[in-house]
Amino acid sequence: MVKTNVMIFNKIPTAEKIAYDSKYNDGGLIHYKDASKLMIEFAKLHCRVQLEAILNDATVKHYDEHGQHDPCVDEHSITNAYPLENIK
């Protein structure tokens, strides 16, 4: 079964969830150095999911606007594959 982007997006923990579940959470307080580690972890997670979304959504256009055979990746299928609203 092919994963849909919605299935992938629904499994991404929020920044708050990552911080709360973190080993750095000390009673609701996180040192700024540890917070930066969590920010990097969160960004890397979204980059991995973004790449997966692009691989799932990228489409090849076989004809240009004039009907000529010109296979290329549809730019919009890549730029729209991962909405910024997914970063929470």
N, C-alpha and C. Protein backbone atom coordinates (compact mmCIF):
# COMPACT_ATOMS: atom_id res chain seq x y z
N MET A 1 0.84 -1.19 0.00
CA MET A 1 0.00 0.00 0.00
C MET A 1 0.88 1.25 0.00
N VAL A 2 0.54 2.18 -0.84
CA VAL A 2 1.28 3.44 -0.91
C VAL A 2 0.75 4.38 0.16
N LYS A 3 1.67 4.98 0.91
CA LYS A 3 1.26 5.94 1.93
C LYS A 3 0.83 7.22 1.24
N THR A 4 -0.26 7.79 1.72
CA THR A 4 -0.65 9.10 1.22
C THR A 4 0.01 10.15 2.10
N ASN A 5 0.13 11.36 1.58
CA ASN A 5 0.75 12.42 2.37
C ASN A 5 -0.06 12.71 3.62
N VAL A 6 -1.37 12.57 3.55
CA VAL A 6 -2.20 12.81 4.74
C VAL A 6 -1.83 11.82 5.84
N MET A 7 -1.62 10.55 5.46
CA MET A 7 -1.22 9.54 6.45
C MET A 7 0.12 9.91 7.06
N ILE A 8 1.03 10.38 6.25
CA ILE A 8 2.36 10.75 6.72
C ILE A 8 2.27 11.96 7.65
N PHE A 9 1.52 13.00 7.22
CA PHE A 9 1.42 14.23 8.00
C PHE A 9 0.77 13.99 9.36
N ASN A 10 -0.18 13.09 9.42
CA ASN A 10 -0.89 12.84 10.68
C ASN A 10 -0.01 12.17 11.72
N LYS A 11 1.12 11.61 11.32
CA LYS A 11 2.00 10.93 12.27
C LYS A 11 3.12 11.83 12.79
N ILE A 12 3.22 13.05 12.31
CA ILE A 12 4.29 13.95 12.72
C ILE A 12 3.95 14.56 14.07
N PRO A 13 4.81 14.37 15.07
CA PRO A 13 4.54 15.01 16.37
C PRO A 13 4.73 16.52 16.27
N THR A 14 3.96 17.25 17.06
CA THR A 14 4.12 18.70 17.10
C THR A 14 5.40 19.05 17.86
N ALA A 15 5.84 20.28 17.73
CA ALA A 15 7.02 20.74 18.47
C ALA A 15 6.78 20.62 19.97
N GLU A 16 5.56 20.94 20.39
CA GLU A 16 5.22 20.85 21.81
C GLU A 16 5.33 19.41 22.30
N LYS A 17 4.84 18.46 21.51
CA LYS A 17 4.89 17.04 21.89
C LYS A 17 6.34 16.56 21.99
N ILE A 18 7.18 16.97 21.03
CA ILE A 18 8.59 16.58 21.07
C ILE A 18 9.25 17.14 22.33
N ALA A 19 8.97 18.40 22.65
CA ALA A 19 9.57 19.01 23.85
C ALA A 19 9.07 18.32 25.11
N TYR A 20 7.77 18.07 25.18
CA TYR A 20 7.18 17.45 26.37
C TYR A 20 7.74 16.05 26.61
N ASP A 21 7.89 15.27 25.53
CA ASP A 21 8.37 13.89 25.64
C ASP A 21 9.89 13.79 25.72
N SER A 22 10.57 14.91 25.59
CA SER A 22 12.03 14.92 25.53
C SER A 22 12.68 14.54 26.85
N LYS A 23 13.84 13.92 26.73
CA LYS A 23 14.63 13.61 27.94
C LYS A 23 15.14 14.90 28.58
N TYR A 24 15.09 16.02 27.83
CA TYR A 24 15.57 17.30 28.36
C TYR A 24 14.51 18.03 29.18
N ASN A 25 13.27 17.56 29.14
CA ASN A 25 12.19 18.20 29.87
C ASN A 25 12.39 17.98 31.36
N ASP A 26 12.64 19.05 32.06
CA ASP A 26 12.88 18.99 33.51
C ASP A 26 11.74 19.72 34.21
N GLY A 27 10.63 19.02 34.35
CA GLY A 27 9.48 19.64 35.01
C GLY A 27 8.90 20.80 34.23
N GLY A 28 8.95 20.73 32.93
CA GLY A 28 8.42 21.80 32.09
C GLY A 28 9.46 22.83 31.68
N LEU A 29 10.68 22.69 32.16
CA LEU A 29 11.76 23.61 31.80
C LEU A 29 12.78 22.88 30.94
N ILE A 30 13.25 23.56 29.90
CA ILE A 30 14.27 23.01 29.02
C ILE A 30 15.35 24.06 28.84
N HIS A 31 16.59 23.71 29.11
CA HIS A 31 17.72 24.62 28.96
C HIS A 31 17.83 25.04 27.49
N TYR A 32 18.26 26.26 27.24
CA TYR A 32 18.30 26.77 25.87
C TYR A 32 19.18 25.93 24.96
N LYS A 33 20.27 25.36 25.47
CA LYS A 33 21.12 24.50 24.64
C LYS A 33 20.38 23.23 24.23
N ASP A 34 19.62 22.69 25.16
CA ASP A 34 18.82 21.50 24.86
C ASP A 34 17.67 21.86 23.93
N ALA A 35 17.11 23.04 24.11
CA ALA A 35 16.02 23.48 23.24
C ALA A 35 16.50 23.57 21.79
N SER A 36 17.74 24.03 21.59
CA SER A 36 18.26 24.12 20.23
C SER A 36 18.44 22.72 19.63
N LYS A 37 18.81 21.73 20.46
CA LYS A 37 18.91 20.35 19.98
C LYS A 37 17.55 19.85 19.52
N LEU A 38 16.52 20.18 20.30
CA LEU A 38 15.17 19.77 19.95
C LEU A 38 14.69 20.45 18.67
N MET A 39 15.06 21.71 18.49
CA MET A 39 14.68 22.44 17.27
C MET A 39 15.31 21.79 16.05
N ILE A 40 16.56 21.38 16.18
CA ILE A 40 17.25 20.72 15.07
C ILE A 40 16.59 19.37 14.78
N GLU A 41 16.28 18.62 15.83
CA GLU A 41 15.59 17.33 15.66
C GLU A 41 14.26 17.53 14.94
N PHE A 42 13.51 18.55 15.35
CA PHE A 42 12.22 18.84 14.75
C PHE A 42 12.37 19.22 13.28
N ALA A 43 13.35 20.06 12.97
CA ALA A 43 13.58 20.47 11.58
C ALA A 43 13.99 19.28 10.71
N LYS A 44 14.87 18.42 11.23
CA LYS A 44 15.29 17.24 10.47
C LYS A 44 14.12 16.30 10.21
N LEU A 45 13.26 16.15 11.22
CA LEU A 45 12.07 15.32 11.05
C LEU A 45 11.22 15.85 9.90
N HIS A 46 10.99 17.15 9.89
CA HIS A 46 10.18 17.73 8.82
C HIS A 46 10.87 17.65 7.46
N CYS A 47 12.17 17.74 7.43
CA CYS A 47 12.89 17.59 6.16
C CYS A 47 12.73 16.17 5.61
N ARG A 48 12.82 15.18 6.49
CA ARG A 48 12.63 13.79 6.04
C ARG A 48 11.21 13.57 5.52
N VAL A 49 10.24 14.10 6.24
CA VAL A 49 8.85 13.94 5.81
C VAL A 49 8.61 14.70 4.51
N GLN A 50 9.23 15.87 4.39
CA GLN A 50 9.08 16.66 3.17
C GLN A 50 9.62 15.89 1.97
N LEU A 51 10.77 15.27 2.12
CA LEU A 51 11.34 14.50 1.01
C LEU A 51 10.42 13.34 0.63
N GLU A 52 9.86 12.68 1.62
CA GLU A 52 8.94 11.58 1.35
C GLU A 52 7.70 12.10 0.62
N ALA A 53 7.19 13.26 1.04
CA ALA A 53 6.03 13.84 0.39
C ALA A 53 6.34 14.20 -1.06
N ILE A 54 7.52 14.73 -1.31
CA ILE A 54 7.91 15.08 -2.67
C ILE A 54 7.99 13.82 -3.53
N LEU A 55 8.60 12.78 -2.99
CA LEU A 55 8.70 11.53 -3.75
C LEU A 55 7.32 10.95 -4.06
N ASN A 56 6.38 11.11 -3.13
CA ASN A 56 5.02 10.62 -3.35
C ASN A 56 4.25 11.47 -4.35
N ASP A 57 4.49 12.79 -4.36
CA ASP A 57 3.67 13.70 -5.15
C ASP A 57 4.27 14.13 -6.48
N ALA A 58 5.56 13.97 -6.67
CA ALA A 58 6.18 14.45 -7.91
C ALA A 58 5.56 13.72 -9.10
N THR A 59 5.18 14.49 -10.08
CA THR A 59 4.60 13.91 -11.29
C THR A 59 5.41 14.35 -12.50
N VAL A 60 5.41 13.51 -13.50
CA VAL A 60 6.12 13.82 -14.74
C VAL A 60 5.11 14.29 -15.76
N LYS A 61 5.38 15.46 -16.32
CA LYS A 61 4.56 15.95 -17.43
C LYS A 61 5.22 15.44 -18.70
N HIS A 62 4.42 14.86 -19.57
CA HIS A 62 4.98 14.29 -20.79
C HIS A 62 4.90 15.24 -21.98
N TYR A 63 4.07 16.27 -21.87
CA TYR A 63 3.90 17.19 -22.99
C TYR A 63 3.97 18.62 -22.47
N ASP A 64 4.56 19.49 -23.26
CA ASP A 64 4.64 20.89 -22.87
C ASP A 64 3.31 21.58 -23.22
N GLU A 65 3.26 22.89 -22.99
CA GLU A 65 2.02 23.64 -23.22
C GLU A 65 1.60 23.68 -24.69
N HIS A 66 2.50 23.28 -25.59
CA HIS A 66 2.19 23.27 -27.02
C HIS A 66 1.86 21.86 -27.53
N GLY A 67 1.77 20.90 -26.61
CA GLY A 67 1.45 19.53 -26.99
C GLY A 67 2.64 18.74 -27.51
N GLN A 68 3.83 19.30 -27.37
CA GLN A 68 5.04 18.62 -27.82
C GLN A 68 5.54 17.68 -26.72
N HIS A 69 6.02 16.51 -27.14
CA HIS A 69 6.54 15.56 -26.16
C HIS A 69 7.79 16.15 -25.52
N ASP A 70 7.72 16.37 -24.22
CA ASP A 70 8.83 17.00 -23.49
C ASP A 70 8.75 16.56 -22.03
N PRO A 71 9.17 15.30 -21.75
CA PRO A 71 9.04 14.81 -20.37
C PRO A 71 9.87 15.64 -19.38
N CYS A 72 9.21 16.06 -18.31
CA CYS A 72 9.89 16.80 -17.25
C CYS A 72 9.06 16.68 -15.98
N VAL A 73 9.67 16.93 -14.85
CA VAL A 73 8.95 16.89 -13.58
C VAL A 73 8.12 18.15 -13.47
N ASP A 74 6.88 17.98 -13.09
CA ASP A 74 5.98 19.12 -12.89
C ASP A 74 6.44 19.90 -11.66
N GLU A 75 6.90 21.11 -11.87
CA GLU A 75 7.44 21.94 -10.79
C GLU A 75 6.45 22.13 -9.65
N HIS A 76 5.18 22.32 -9.98
CA HIS A 76 4.17 22.55 -8.95
C HIS A 76 3.92 21.31 -8.08
N SER A 77 4.14 20.14 -8.65
CA SER A 77 3.95 18.93 -7.84
C SER A 77 5.01 18.83 -6.76
N ILE A 78 6.14 19.46 -6.97
CA ILE A 78 7.20 19.47 -5.96
C ILE A 78 7.01 20.62 -4.98
N THR A 79 6.79 21.82 -5.50
CA THR A 79 6.68 22.98 -4.61
C THR A 79 5.44 22.93 -3.74
N ASN A 80 4.42 22.20 -4.15
CA ASN A 80 3.20 22.11 -3.36
C ASN A 80 3.09 20.80 -2.58
N ALA A 81 4.10 19.97 -2.63
CA ALA A 81 4.03 18.65 -1.98
C ALA A 81 4.00 18.73 -0.47
N TYR A 82 4.63 19.74 0.10
CA TYR A 82 4.73 19.81 1.56
C TYR A 82 4.32 21.19 2.06
N PRO A 83 3.09 21.33 2.51
CA PRO A 83 2.61 22.63 3.00
C PRO A 83 3.32 23.07 4.28
N LEU A 84 3.68 24.33 4.36
CA LEU A 84 4.35 24.86 5.55
C LEU A 84 3.47 24.77 6.79
N GLU A 85 2.17 24.65 6.59
CA GLU A 85 1.24 24.53 7.72
C GLU A 85 1.50 23.25 8.51
N ASN A 86 2.25 22.30 7.93
CA ASN A 86 2.55 21.05 8.64
C ASN A 86 3.57 21.24 9.76
N ILE A 87 4.27 22.35 9.75
CA ILE A 87 5.27 22.60 10.80
C ILE A 87 4.56 23.29 11.95
N LYS A 88 4.42 22.55 13.05
CA LYS A 88 3.66 23.06 14.21
C LYS A 88 4.49 23.00 15.46
